[in-house]
C-alpha atoms as a PDB file:
ATOM      1  CA  MET A   1     150.844  73.096 238.546  1.00  0.00           C
ATOM      2  CA  THR A   2     152.165  72.619 235.052  1.00  0.00           C
ATOM      3  CA  ARG A   3     149.263  73.311 232.922  1.00  0.00           C
ATOM      4  CA  LYS A   4     148.131  75.917 234.615  1.00  0.00           C
ATOM      5  CA  CYS A   5     151.825  77.357 234.718  1.00  0.00           C
ATOM      6  CA  LEU A   6     151.206  76.518 230.202  1.00  0.00           C
ATOM      7  CA  ILE A   7     148.385  78.743 230.287  1.00  0.00           C
ATOM      8  CA  GLU A   8     149.726  82.061 231.856  1.00  0.00           C
ATOM      9  CA  ARG A   9     153.060  81.540 229.520  1.00  0.00           C
ATOM     10  CA  GLU A  10     150.819  81.449 227.038  1.00  0.00           C
ATOM     11  CA  LYS A  11     148.785  84.838 228.118  1.00  0.00           C
ATOM     12  CA  LYS A  12     152.052  86.688 228.404  1.00  0.00           C
ATOM     13  CA  ARG A  13     153.451  85.800 224.784  1.00  0.00           C
ATOM     14  CA  LYS A  14     155.815  88.189 223.152  1.00  0.00           C
ATOM     15  CA  TYR A  15     154.033  88.064 220.045  1.00  0.00           C
ATOM     16  CA  LYS A  16     150.037  88.034 219.375  1.00  0.00           C
ATOM     17  CA  VAL A  17     150.838  85.447 216.353  1.00  0.00           C
ATOM     18  CA  ARG A  18     152.215  82.686 218.288  1.00  0.00           C
ATOM     19  CA  VAL A  19     149.371  82.154 220.826  1.00  0.00           C
ATOM     20  CA  ARG A  20     148.374  79.005 221.089  1.00  0.00           C
ATOM     21  CA  ASN A  21     144.535  77.828 222.188  1.00  0.00           C
ATOM     22  CA  ARG A  22     144.347  76.181 224.733  1.00  0.00           C
ATOM     23  CA  CYS A  23     141.223  74.307 226.676  1.00  0.00           C
ATOM     24  CA  SER A  24     140.402  76.848 229.572  1.00  0.00           C
ATOM     25  CA  ARG A  25     139.093  73.799 232.026  1.00  0.00           C
ATOM     26  CA  CYS A  26     142.384  71.287 231.986  1.00  0.00           C
ATOM     27  CA  GLY A  27     144.842  73.031 229.242  1.00  0.00           C
ATOM     28  CA  ARG A  28     145.302  71.093 226.330  1.00  0.00           C
ATOM     29  CA  PRO A  29     146.572  72.139 222.915  1.00  0.00           C
ATOM     30  CA  ARG A  30     144.529  69.973 220.557  1.00  0.00           C
ATOM     31  CA  GLY A  31     141.288  69.596 219.695  1.00  0.00           C
ATOM     32  CA  TYR A  32     140.239  73.002 221.116  1.00  0.00           C
ATOM     33  CA  MET A  33     137.011  74.375 220.128  1.00  0.00           C
ATOM     34  CA  ARG A  34     136.967  78.276 220.181  1.00  0.00           C
ATOM     35  CA  ARG A  35     133.493  78.441 220.625  1.00  0.00           C
ATOM     36  CA  PHE A  36     133.209  76.932 224.183  1.00  0.00           C
ATOM     37  CA  ASP A  37     136.996  77.226 224.461  1.00  0.00           C
ATOM     38  CA  LEU A  38     137.063  74.100 225.846  1.00  0.00           C
ATOM     39  CA  CYS A  39     138.963  70.702 224.050  1.00  0.00           C
ATOM     40  CA  ARG A  40     137.027  68.020 222.827  1.00  0.00           C
ATOM     41  CA  ILE A  41     137.758  65.375 226.164  1.00  0.00           C
ATOM     42  CA  CYS A  42     136.417  67.950 228.247  1.00  0.00           C
ATOM     43  CA  PHE A  43     133.430  69.492 225.837  1.00  0.00           C
ATOM     44  CA  ARG A  44     132.762  65.743 225.537  1.00  0.00           C
ATOM     45  CA  GLU A  45     132.363  65.423 229.343  1.00  0.00           C
ATOM     46  CA  LEU A  46     130.493  68.625 230.122  1.00  0.00           C
ATOM     47  CA  ALA A  47     127.608  68.211 227.268  1.00  0.00           C
ATOM     48  CA  MET A  48     127.035  64.822 228.931  1.00  0.00           C
ATOM     49  CA  GLU A  49     126.492  66.010 232.045  1.00  0.00           C
ATOM     50  CA  GLY A  50     124.214  68.594 231.003  1.00  0.00           C
ATOM     51  CA  LYS A  51     125.989  72.151 231.958  1.00  0.00           C
ATOM     52  CA  ILE A  52     126.900  72.974 228.462  1.00  0.00           C
ATOM     53  CA  PRO A  53     123.666  74.888 227.693  1.00  0.00           C
ATOM     54  CA  GLY A  54     121.988  73.931 223.899  1.00  0.00           C
ATOM     55  CA  VAL A  55     123.928  71.298 223.307  1.00  0.00           C
ATOM     56  CA  ILE A  56     122.346  67.535 223.088  1.00  0.00           C
ATOM     57  CA  LYS A  57     123.501  64.444 221.624  1.00  0.00           C
ATOM     58  CA  SER A  58     122.534  63.896 218.526  1.00  0.00           C
ATOM     59  CA  SER A  59     121.823  60.201 216.791  1.00  0.00           C
ATOM     60  CA  TRP A  60     120.772  59.439 212.811  1.00  0.00           C
END
């Protein structure tokens, strides 16, 4: 509930400049990737499950 409240509050900011990007899945503000609208942790979980199209694990 707390995370949901924080996400909603960010959407209704008085000044657009102060908006903080948050993960759409868990609400985490840090480690956010704009391209996927997810934090690094959620991104990794979904990528490993194969739920993000075009993303594969790389090794070198």
